Amino acid sequence: KLYVVVGATTDHGPLHDPLEASILRMNADGSDLEVFATGFRNPYDLAFSADGKLFTADNSPDELDQSLQYLAAEEINYVREGLDYGFPNVLAANQRR
């Protein structure tokens, strides 16, 4: 399978596309596209451990405004199929997994 990261089109506002802010999985020819996990602002650097566990780094929002009073920490996530990692509704400082 091929895994592809898709960042959010927003810094910390609502999402606009069902595939954004996700890690997608598909066959090498592009068929059977599916959302593997969602809720990432800007995931990058996918890595599989020796036992097959998937990890990704995720950037936090960059801009403060009335709706965001602090900048959350950058994250490293153990990515499991079907989970929502919270973005844009939950940022790192409030998230427990």
PDB file of N, CA and C in Angstrom:
ATOM      1  N   LYS A   1       0.837  -1.189   0.000  1.00  0.00           N
ATOM      2  CA  LYS A   1       0.000   0.000   0.000  1.00  0.00           C
ATOM      3  C   LYS A   1       0.876   1.244   0.000  1.00  0.00           C
ATOM      4  N   LEU A   2       0.341   2.311  -0.570  1.00  0.00           N
ATOM      5  CA  LEU A   2       0.994   3.603  -0.602  1.00  0.00           C
ATOM      6  C   LEU A   2       0.274   4.522   0.379  1.00  0.00           C
ATOM      7  N   TYR A   3       1.031   5.200   1.239  1.00  0.00           N
ATOM      8  CA  TYR A   3       0.480   6.134   2.216  1.00  0.00           C
ATOM      9  C   TYR A   3       0.868   7.542   1.799  1.00  0.00           C
ATOM     10  N   VAL A   4      -0.098   8.468   1.831  1.00  0.00           N
ATOM     11  CA  VAL A   4       0.116   9.845   1.398  1.00  0.00           C
ATOM     12  C   VAL A   4      -0.412  10.780   2.474  1.00  0.00           C
ATOM     13  N   VAL A   5       0.375  11.800   2.833  1.00  0.00           N
ATOM     14  CA  VAL A   5      -0.079  12.795   3.801  1.00  0.00           C
ATOM     15  C   VAL A   5      -0.704  13.967   3.058  1.00  0.00           C
ATOM     16  N   VAL A   6      -1.773  14.512   3.641  1.00  0.00           N
ATOM     17  CA  VAL A   6      -2.455  15.673   3.080  1.00  0.00           C
ATOM     18  C   VAL A   6      -2.664  16.671   4.208  1.00  0.00           C
ATOM     19  N   GLY A   7      -2.040  17.834   4.107  1.00  0.00           N
ATOM     20  CA  GLY A   7      -2.192  18.859   5.127  1.00  0.00           C
ATOM     21  C   GLY A   7      -3.542  19.559   5.027  1.00  0.00           C
ATOM     22  N   ALA A   8      -3.837  20.345   6.039  1.00  0.00           N
ATOM     23  CA  ALA A   8      -5.072  21.131   6.069  1.00  0.00           C
ATOM     24  C   ALA A   8      -4.901  22.380   5.207  1.00  0.00           C
ATOM     25  N   THR A   9      -6.003  22.876   4.673  1.00  0.00           N
ATOM     26  CA  THR A   9      -5.978  24.110   3.893  1.00  0.00           C
ATOM     27  C   THR A   9      -6.137  25.328   4.792  1.00  0.00           C
ATOM     28  N   THR A  10      -6.184  25.129   6.098  1.00  0.00           N
ATOM     29  CA  THR A  10      -6.351  26.204   7.057  1.00  0.00           C
ATOM     30  C   THR A  10      -5.306  26.081   8.164  1.00  0.00           C
ATOM     31  N   ASP A  11      -4.988  27.190   8.790  1.00  0.00           N
ATOM     32  CA  ASP A  11      -4.053  27.173   9.908  1.00  0.00           C
ATOM     33  C   ASP A  11      -4.688  26.573  11.158  1.00  0.00           C
ATOM     34  N   HIS A  12      -5.938  26.935  11.451  1.00  0.00           N
ATOM     35  CA  HIS A  12      -6.655  26.365  12.591  1.00  0.00           C
ATOM     36  C   HIS A  12      -8.159  26.549  12.493  1.00  0.00           C
ATOM     37  N   GLY A  13      -8.663  26.834  11.308  1.00  0.00           N
ATOM     38  CA  GLY A  13     -10.100  27.003  11.117  1.00  0.00           C
ATOM     39  C   GLY A  13     -10.743  25.739  10.596  1.00  0.00           C
ATOM     40  N   PRO A  14     -11.992  25.846  10.171  1.00  0.00           N
ATOM     41  CA  PRO A  14     -12.722  24.667   9.704  1.00  0.00           C
ATOM     42  C   PRO A  14     -12.113  24.073   8.426  1.00  0.00           C
ATOM     43  N   LEU A  15     -12.297  22.782   8.262  1.00  0.00           N
ATOM     44  CA  LEU A  15     -11.810  22.074   7.071  1.00  0.00           C
ATOM     45  C   LEU A  15     -12.798  22.261   5.930  1.00  0.00           C
ATOM     46  N   HIS A  16     -12.285  22.158   4.688  1.00  0.00           N
ATOM     47  CA  HIS A  16     -13.111  22.400   3.509  1.00  0.00           C
ATOM     48  C   HIS A  16     -13.222  21.208   2.573  1.00  0.00           C
ATOM     49  N   ASP A  17     -12.420  20.198   2.779  1.00  0.00           N
ATOM     50  CA  ASP A  17     -12.417  19.044   1.882  1.00  0.00           C
ATOM     51  C   ASP A  17     -12.324  17.775   2.726  1.00  0.00           C
ATOM     52  N   PRO A  18     -13.069  16.731   2.399  1.00  0.00           N
ATOM     53  CA  PRO A  18     -13.063  15.524   3.226  1.00  0.00           C
ATOM     54  C   PRO A  18     -11.732  14.766   3.254  1.00  0.00           C
ATOM     55  N   LEU A  19     -10.828  15.057   2.332  1.00  0.00           N
ATOM     56  CA  LEU A  19      -9.538  14.362   2.311  1.00  0.00           C
ATOM     57  C   LEU A  19      -8.416  15.159   2.963  1.00  0.00           C
ATOM     58  N   GLU A  20      -8.640  16.437   3.259  1.00  0.00           N
ATOM     59  CA  GLU A  20      -7.556  17.231   3.852  1.00  0.00           C
ATOM     60  C   GLU A  20      -7.328  16.856   5.308  1.00  0.00           C
ATOM     61  N   ALA A  21      -6.166  17.209   5.812  1.00  0.00           N
ATOM     62  CA  ALA A  21      -5.784  16.966   7.210  1.00  0.00           C
ATOM     63  C   ALA A  21      -5.792  15.477   7.548  1.00  0.00           C
ATOM     64  N   SER A  22      -5.344  14.667   6.590  1.00  0.00           N
ATOM     65  CA  SER A  22      -5.445  13.212   6.722  1.00  0.00           C
ATOM     66  C   SER A  22      -4.197  12.492   6.228  1.00  0.00           C
ATOM     67  N   ILE A  23      -4.140  11.233   6.571  1.00  0.00           N
ATOM     68  CA  ILE A  23      -3.200  10.308   5.956  1.00  0.00           C
ATOM     69  C   ILE A  23      -4.058   9.358   5.136  1.00  0.00           C
ATOM     70  N   LEU A  24      -3.770   9.310   3.841  1.00  0.00           N
ATOM     71  CA  LEU A  24      -4.539   8.478   2.923  1.00  0.00           C
ATOM     72  C   LEU A  24      -3.766   7.199   2.630  1.00  0.00           C
ATOM     73  N   ARG A  25      -4.506   6.163   2.267  1.00  0.00           N
ATOM     74  CA  ARG A  25      -3.889   4.893   1.886  1.00  0.00           C
ATOM     75  C   ARG A  25      -4.542   4.429   0.589  1.00  0.00           C
ATOM     76  N   MET A  26      -3.723   3.877  -0.304  1.00  0.00           N
ATOM     77  CA  MET A  26      -4.234   3.393  -1.591  1.00  0.00           C
ATOM     78  C   MET A  26      -3.311   2.316  -2.133  1.00  0.00           C
ATOM     79  N   ASN A  27      -3.775   1.650  -3.157  1.00  0.00           N
ATOM     80  CA  ASN A  27      -2.912   0.731  -3.887  1.00  0.00           C
ATOM     81  C   ASN A  27      -1.910   1.538  -4.694  1.00  0.00           C
ATOM     82  N   ALA A  28      -0.828   0.918  -5.104  1.00  0.00           N
ATOM     83  CA  ALA A  28       0.232   1.611  -5.833  1.00  0.00           C
ATOM     84  C   ALA A  28      -0.265   2.249  -7.131  1.00  0.00           C
ATOM     85  N   ASP A  29      -1.339   1.730  -7.717  1.00  0.00           N
ATOM     86  CA  ASP A  29      -1.892   2.303  -8.944  1.00  0.00           C
ATOM     87  C   ASP A  29      -2.919   3.404  -8.671  1.00  0.00           C
ATOM     88  N   GLY A  30      -3.115   3.762  -7.400  1.00  0.00           N
ATOM     89  CA  GLY A  30      -4.055   4.824  -7.027  1.00  0.00           C
ATOM     90  C   GLY A  30      -5.469   4.341  -6.743  1.00  0.00           C
ATOM     91  N   SER A  31      -5.722   3.074  -6.947  1.00  0.00           N
ATOM     92  CA  SER A  31      -7.071   2.545  -6.699  1.00  0.00           C
ATOM     93  C   SER A  31      -7.294   2.310  -5.204  1.00  0.00           C
ATOM     94  N   ASP A  32      -8.544   2.170  -4.830  1.00  0.00           N
ATOM     95  CA  ASP A  32      -8.945   1.900  -3.446  1.00  0.00           C
ATOM     96  C   ASP A  32      -8.458   2.971  -2.468  1.00  0.00           C
ATOM     97  N   LEU A  33      -8.563   4.245  -2.880  1.00  0.00           N
ATOM     98  CA  LEU A  33      -8.193   5.358  -2.017  1.00  0.00           C
ATOM     99  C   LEU A  33      -9.086   5.385  -0.790  1.00  0.00           C
ATOM    100  N   GLU A  34      -8.472   5.511   0.392  1.00  0.00           N
ATOM    101  CA  GLU A  34      -9.232   5.592   1.638  1.00  0.00           C
ATOM    102  C   GLU A  34      -8.506   6.490   2.629  1.00  0.00           C
ATOM    103  N   VAL A  35      -9.269   7.079   3.547  1.00  0.00           N
ATOM    104  CA  VAL A  35      -8.684   7.843   4.639  1.00  0.00           C
ATOM    105  C   VAL A  35      -8.256   6.841   5.701  1.00  0.00           C
ATOM    106  N   PHE A  36      -6.960   6.788   5.974  1.00  0.00           N
ATOM    107  CA  PHE A  36      -6.422   5.878   6.978  1.00  0.00           C
ATOM    108  C   PHE A  36      -6.606   6.463   8.378  1.00  0.00           C
ATOM    109  N   ALA A  37      -6.292   7.751   8.535  1.00  0.00           N
ATOM    110  CA  ALA A  37      -6.477   8.471   9.800  1.00  0.00           C
ATOM    111  C   ALA A  37      -6.618   9.948   9.459  1.00  0.00           C
ATOM    112  N   THR A  38      -7.260  10.704  10.334  1.00  0.00           N
ATOM    113  CA  THR A  38      -7.514  12.116  10.070  1.00  0.00           C
ATOM    114  C   THR A  38      -7.222  12.950  11.311  1.00  0.00           C
ATOM    115  N   GLY A  39      -7.369  14.271  11.169  1.00  0.00           N
ATOM    116  CA  GLY A  39      -7.182  15.156  12.301  1.00  0.00           C
ATOM    117  C   GLY A  39      -5.765  15.677  12.464  1.00  0.00           C
ATOM    118  N   PHE A  40      -5.021  15.815  11.361  1.00  0.00           N
ATOM    119  CA  PHE A  40      -3.658  16.343  11.373  1.00  0.00           C
ATOM    120  C   PHE A  40      -3.658  17.705  10.683  1.00  0.00           C
ATOM    121  N   ARG A  41      -2.954  18.682  11.237  1.00  0.00           N
ATOM    122  CA  ARG A  41      -2.858  19.971  10.541  1.00  0.00           C
ATOM    123  C   ARG A  41      -1.950  19.846   9.319  1.00  0.00           C
ATOM    124  N   ASN A  42      -0.764  19.348   9.537  1.00  0.00           N
ATOM    125  CA  ASN A  42       0.209  19.240   8.455  1.00  0.00           C
ATOM    126  C   ASN A  42       1.149  18.082   8.744  1.00  0.00           C
ATOM    127  N   PRO A  43       0.685  16.853   8.511  1.00  0.00           N
ATOM    128  CA  PRO A  43       1.534  15.696   8.790  1.00  0.00           C
ATOM    129  C   PRO A  43       2.657  15.585   7.761  1.00  0.00           C
ATOM    130  N   TYR A  44       3.801  15.100   8.199  1.00  0.00           N
ATOM    131  CA  TYR A  44       4.916  14.892   7.280  1.00  0.00           C
ATOM    132  C   TYR A  44       5.852  13.837   7.859  1.00  0.00           C
ATOM    133  N   ASP A  45       6.775  13.393   7.046  1.00  0.00           N
ATOM    134  CA  ASP A  45       7.768  12.402   7.482  1.00  0.00           C
ATOM    135  C   ASP A  45       7.131  11.142   8.052  1.00  0.00           C
ATOM    136  N   LEU A  46       6.356  10.454   7.259  1.00  0.00           N
ATOM    137  CA  LEU A  46       5.817   9.163   7.681  1.00  0.00           C
ATOM    138  C   LEU A  46       6.963   8.183   7.880  1.00  0.00           C
ATOM    139  N   ALA A  47       6.848   7.367   8.922  1.00  0.00           N
ATOM    140  CA  ALA A  47       7.865   6.351   9.185  1.00  0.00           C
ATOM    141  C   ALA A  47       7.193   5.124   9.778  1.00  0.00           C
ATOM    142  N   PHE A  48       7.596   3.973   9.310  1.00  0.00           N
ATOM    143  CA  PHE A  48       7.128   2.702   9.870  1.00  0.00           C
ATOM    144  C   PHE A  48       8.231   2.128  10.753  1.00  0.00           C
ATOM    145  N   SER A  49       7.863   1.670  11.933  1.00  0.00           N
ATOM    146  CA  SER A  49       8.826   0.998  12.813  1.00  0.00           C
ATOM    147  C   SER A  49       9.066  -0.421  12.280  1.00  0.00           C
ATOM    148  N   ALA A  50      10.040  -1.097  12.839  1.00  0.00           N
ATOM    149  CA  ALA A  50      10.372  -2.461  12.415  1.00  0.00           C
ATOM    150  C   ALA A  50       9.202  -3.421  12.576  1.00  0.00           C
ATOM    151  N   ASP A  51       8.318  -3.139  13.533  1.00  0.00           N
ATOM    152  CA  ASP A  51       7.159  -4.018  13.726  1.00  0.00           C
ATOM    153  C   ASP A  51       5.901  -3.519  13.002  1.00  0.00           C
ATOM    154  N   GLY A  52       6.064  -2.533  12.095  1.00  0.00           N
ATOM    155  CA  GLY A  52       4.961  -2.104  11.239  1.00  0.00           C
ATOM    156  C   GLY A  52       4.091  -0.984  11.766  1.00  0.00           C
ATOM    157  N   LYS A  53       4.439  -0.389  12.897  1.00  0.00           N
ATOM    158  CA  LYS A  53       3.660   0.734  13.424  1.00  0.00           C
ATOM    159  C   LYS A  53       4.003   1.995  12.642  1.00  0.00           C
ATOM    160  N   LEU A  54       2.972   2.816  12.368  1.00  0.00           N
ATOM    161  CA  LEU A  54       3.137   4.035  11.576  1.00  0.00           C
ATOM    162  C   LEU A  54       3.218   5.249  12.496  1.00  0.00           C
ATOM    163  N   PHE A  55       4.187   6.126  12.218  1.00  0.00           N
ATOM    164  CA  PHE A  55       4.369   7.367  12.974  1.00  0.00           C
ATOM    165  C   PHE A  55       4.451   8.533  12.001  1.00  0.00           C
ATOM    166  N   THR A  56       4.009   9.719  12.467  1.00  0.00           N
ATOM    167  CA  THR A  56       4.170  10.938  11.682  1.00  0.00           C
ATOM    168  C   THR A  56       4.412  12.120  12.602  1.00  0.00           C
ATOM    169  N   ALA A  57       5.157  13.096  12.101  1.00  0.00           N
ATOM    170  CA  ALA A  57       5.280  14.386  12.774  1.00  0.00           C
ATOM    171  C   ALA A  57       4.156  15.264  12.248  1.00  0.00           C
ATOM    172  N   ASP A  58       3.673  16.190  13.075  1.00  0.00           N
ATOM    173  CA  ASP A  58       2.569  17.070  12.680  1.00  0.00           C
ATOM    174  C   ASP A  58       2.862  18.483  13.156  1.00  0.00           C
ATOM    175  N   ASN A  59       2.759  19.449  12.240  1.00  0.00           N
ATOM    176  CA  ASN A  59       2.952  20.852  12.583  1.00  0.00           C
ATOM    177  C   ASN A  59       1.730  21.408  13.293  1.00  0.00           C
ATOM    178  N   SER A  60       1.968  22.252  14.281  1.00  0.00           N
ATOM    179  CA  SER A  60       0.886  22.962  14.954  1.00  0.00           C
ATOM    180  C   SER A  60       0.535  24.221  14.153  1.00  0.00           C
ATOM    181  N   PRO A  61      -0.561  24.908  14.515  1.00  0.00           N
ATOM    182  CA  PRO A  61      -0.899  26.171  13.848  1.00  0.00           C
ATOM    183  C   PRO A  61       0.230  27.195  13.995  1.00  0.00           C
ATOM    184  N   ASP A  62       0.245  28.162  13.065  1.00  0.00           N
ATOM    185  CA  ASP A  62       1.291  29.179  13.037  1.00  0.00           C
ATOM    186  C   ASP A  62       0.840  30.551  13.514  1.00  0.00           C
ATOM    187  N   GLU A  63      -0.458  30.843  13.444  1.00  0.00           N
ATOM    188  CA  GLU A  63      -0.960  32.197  13.670  1.00  0.00           C
ATOM    189  C   GLU A  63      -1.894  32.282  14.863  1.00  0.00           C
ATOM    190  N   LEU A  64      -1.685  33.280  15.700  1.00  0.00           N
ATOM    191  CA  LEU A  64      -2.604  33.574  16.794  1.00  0.00           C
ATOM    192  C   LEU A  64      -3.697  34.516  16.304  1.00  0.00           C
ATOM    193  N   ASP A  65      -4.898  34.354  16.847  1.00  0.00           N
ATOM    194  CA  ASP A  65      -5.997  35.280  16.605  1.00  0.00           C
ATOM    195  C   ASP A  65      -7.008  35.123  17.733  1.00  0.00           C
ATOM    196  N   GLN A  66      -8.197  35.666  17.586  1.00  0.00           N
ATOM    197  CA  GLN A  66      -9.203  35.600  18.652  1.00  0.00           C
ATOM    198  C   GLN A  66      -9.616  34.171  18.981  1.00  0.00           C
ATOM    199  N   SER A  67      -9.562  33.281  18.007  1.00  0.00           N
ATOM    200  CA  SER A  67      -9.975  31.894  18.247  1.00  0.00           C
ATOM    201  C   SER A  67      -8.833  31.005  18.738  1.00  0.00           C
ATOM    202  N   LEU A  68      -7.609  31.500  18.672  1.00  0.00           N
ATOM    203  CA  LEU A  68      -6.438  30.723  19.102  1.00  0.00           C
ATOM    204  C   LEU A  68      -5.523  31.620  19.918  1.00  0.00           C
ATOM    205  N   GLN A  69      -5.504  31.410  21.210  1.00  0.00           N
ATOM    206  CA  GLN A  69      -4.766  32.282  22.118  1.00  0.00           C
ATOM    207  C   GLN A  69      -3.355  31.774  22.437  1.00  0.00           C
ATOM    208  N   TYR A  70      -3.014  30.561  22.023  1.00  0.00           N
ATOM    209  CA  TYR A  70      -1.690  30.001  22.274  1.00  0.00           C
ATOM    210  C   TYR A  70      -1.316  29.122  21.088  1.00  0.00           C
ATOM    211  N   LEU A  71      -0.047  28.907  20.887  1.00  0.00           N
ATOM    212  CA  LEU A  71       0.412  27.993  19.840  1.00  0.00           C
ATOM    213  C   LEU A  71       0.703  26.642  20.480  1.00  0.00           C
ATOM    214  N   ALA A  72       0.019  25.651  20.018  1.00  0.00           N
ATOM    215  CA  ALA A  72       0.189  24.288  20.532  1.00  0.00           C
ATOM    216  C   ALA A  72       1.542  23.735  20.100  1.00  0.00           C
ATOM    217  N   ALA A  73       1.987  22.725  20.808  1.00  0.00           N
ATOM    218  CA  ALA A  73       3.264  22.081  20.498  1.00  0.00           C
ATOM    219  C   ALA A  73       3.190  21.288  19.199  1.00  0.00           C
ATOM    220  N   GLU A  74       4.336  21.138  18.558  1.00  0.00           N
ATOM    221  CA  GLU A  74       4.441  20.210  17.438  1.00  0.00           C
ATOM    222  C   GLU A  74       4.235  18.804  18.001  1.00  0.00           C
ATOM    223  N   GLU A  75       3.853  17.861  17.154  1.00  0.00           N
ATOM    224  CA  GLU A  75       3.538  16.513  17.651  1.00  0.00           C
ATOM    225  C   GLU A  75       4.294  15.447  16.880  1.00  0.00           C
ATOM    226  N   ILE A  76       4.513  14.329  17.549  1.00  0.00           N
ATOM    227  CA  ILE A  76       4.841  13.072  16.884  1.00  0.00           C
ATOM    228  C   ILE A  76       3.734  12.115  17.296  1.00  0.00           C
ATOM    229  N   ASN A  77       3.063  11.543  16.312  1.00  0.00           N
ATOM    230  CA  ASN A  77       1.915  10.684  16.582  1.00  0.00           C
ATOM    231  C   ASN A  77       2.153   9.251  16.139  1.00  0.00           C
ATOM    232  N   TYR A  78       1.726   8.336  16.966  1.00  0.00           N
ATOM    233  CA  TYR A  78       1.603   6.927  16.592  1.00  0.00           C
ATOM    234  C   TYR A  78       0.248   6.830  15.911  1.00  0.00           C
ATOM    235  N   VAL A  79       0.245   6.587  14.616  1.00  0.00           N
ATOM    236  CA  VAL A  79      -0.961   6.665  13.803  1.00  0.00           C
ATOM    237  C   VAL A  79      -1.615   5.299  13.702  1.00  0.00           C
ATOM    238  N   ARG A  80      -2.867   5.243  14.126  1.00  0.00           N
ATOM    239  CA  ARG A  80      -3.629   4.002  14.043  1.00  0.00           C
ATOM    240  C   ARG A  80      -4.829   4.193  13.134  1.00  0.00           C
ATOM    241  N   GLU A  81      -5.128   3.184  12.365  1.00  0.00           N
ATOM    242  CA  GLU A  81      -6.196   3.240  11.377  1.00  0.00           C
ATOM    243  C   GLU A  81      -7.535   3.622  12.004  1.00  0.00           C
ATOM    244  N   GLY A  82      -8.213   4.565  11.336  1.00  0.00           N
ATOM    245  CA  GLY A  82      -9.560   4.951  11.725  1.00  0.00           C
ATOM    246  C   GLY A  82      -9.655   6.013  12.803  1.00  0.00           C
ATOM    247  N   LEU A  83      -8.526   6.413  13.403  1.00  0.00           N
ATOM    248  CA  LEU A  83      -8.587   7.407  14.470  1.00  0.00           C
ATOM    249  C   LEU A  83      -8.577   8.832  13.931  1.00  0.00           C
ATOM    250  N   ASP A  84      -9.165   9.730  14.706  1.00  0.00           N
ATOM    251  CA  ASP A  84      -9.148  11.167  14.431  1.00  0.00           C
ATOM    252  C   ASP A  84      -8.218  11.792  15.469  1.00  0.00           C
ATOM    253  N   TYR A  85      -7.155  12.448  15.017  1.00  0.00           N
ATOM    254  CA  TYR A  85      -6.155  13.018  15.912  1.00  0.00           C
ATOM    255  C   TYR A  85      -6.470  14.454  16.326  1.00  0.00           C
ATOM    256  N   GLY A  86      -7.670  14.924  16.030  1.00  0.00           N
ATOM    257  CA  GLY A  86      -8.213  16.114  16.656  1.00  0.00           C
ATOM    258  C   GLY A  86      -8.253  17.412  15.891  1.00  0.00           C
ATOM    259  N   PHE A  87      -7.333  17.654  14.979  1.00  0.00           N
ATOM    260  CA  PHE A  87      -7.316  18.939  14.289  1.00  0.00           C
ATOM    261  C   PHE A  87      -8.546  19.080  13.398  1.00  0.00           C
ATOM    262  N   PRO A  88      -9.226  20.207  13.354  1.00  0.00           N
ATOM    263  CA  PRO A  88      -8.905  21.490  13.971  1.00  0.00           C
ATOM    264  C   PRO A  88      -9.585  21.717  15.327  1.00  0.00           C
ATOM    265  N   ASN A  89     -10.286  20.730  15.829  1.00  0.00           N
ATOM    266  CA  ASN A  89     -11.065  20.907  17.056  1.00  0.00           C
ATOM    267  C   ASN A  89     -10.259  20.774  18.335  1.00  0.00           C
ATOM    268  N   VAL A  90      -9.200  19.962  18.319  1.00  0.00           N
ATOM    269  CA  VAL A  90      -8.367  19.738  19.504  1.00  0.00           C
ATOM    270  C   VAL A  90      -6.917  19.937  19.096  1.00  0.00           C
ATOM    271  N   LEU A  91      -6.207  20.758  19.852  1.00  0.00           N
ATOM    272  CA  LEU A  91      -4.787  20.983  19.586  1.00  0.00           C
ATOM    273  C   LEU A  91      -3.953  20.256  20.630  1.00  0.00           C
ATOM    274  N   ALA A  92      -2.680  20.092  20.383  1.00  0.00           N
ATOM    275  CA  ALA A  92      -1.798  19.214  21.165  1.00  0.00           C
ATOM    276  C   ALA A  92      -1.890  19.404  22.676  1.00  0.00           C
ATOM    277  N   ALA A  93      -1.953  20.630  23.154  1.00  0.00           N
ATOM    278  CA  ALA A  93      -1.940  20.867  24.599  1.00  0.00           C
ATOM    279  C   ALA A  93      -3.151  20.265  25.297  1.00  0.00           C
ATOM    280  N   ASN A  94      -4.239  20.051  24.569  1.00  0.00           N
ATOM    281  CA  ASN A  94      -5.466  19.512  25.150  1.00  0.00           C
ATOM    282  C   ASN A  94      -5.720  18.062  24.792  1.00  0.00           C
ATOM    283  N   GLN A  95      -4.844  17.469  24.024  1.00  0.00           N
ATOM    284  CA  GLN A  95      -5.083  16.144  23.461  1.00  0.00           C
ATOM    285  C   GLN A  95      -4.389  15.058  24.284  1.00  0.00           C
ATOM    286  N   ARG A  96      -5.090  13.994  24.525  1.00  0.00           N
ATOM    287  CA  ARG A  96      -4.520  12.826  25.223  1.00  0.00           C
ATOM    288  C   ARG A  96      -4.837  11.585  24.405  1.00  0.00           C
ATOM    289  N   ARG A  97      -3.811  10.796  24.055  1.00  0.00           N
ATOM    290  CA  ARG A  97      -3.998   9.560  23.283  1.00  0.00           C
ATOM    291  C   ARG A  97      -3.246   8.449  23.982  1.00  0.00           C
TER     292      ARG A  97
END
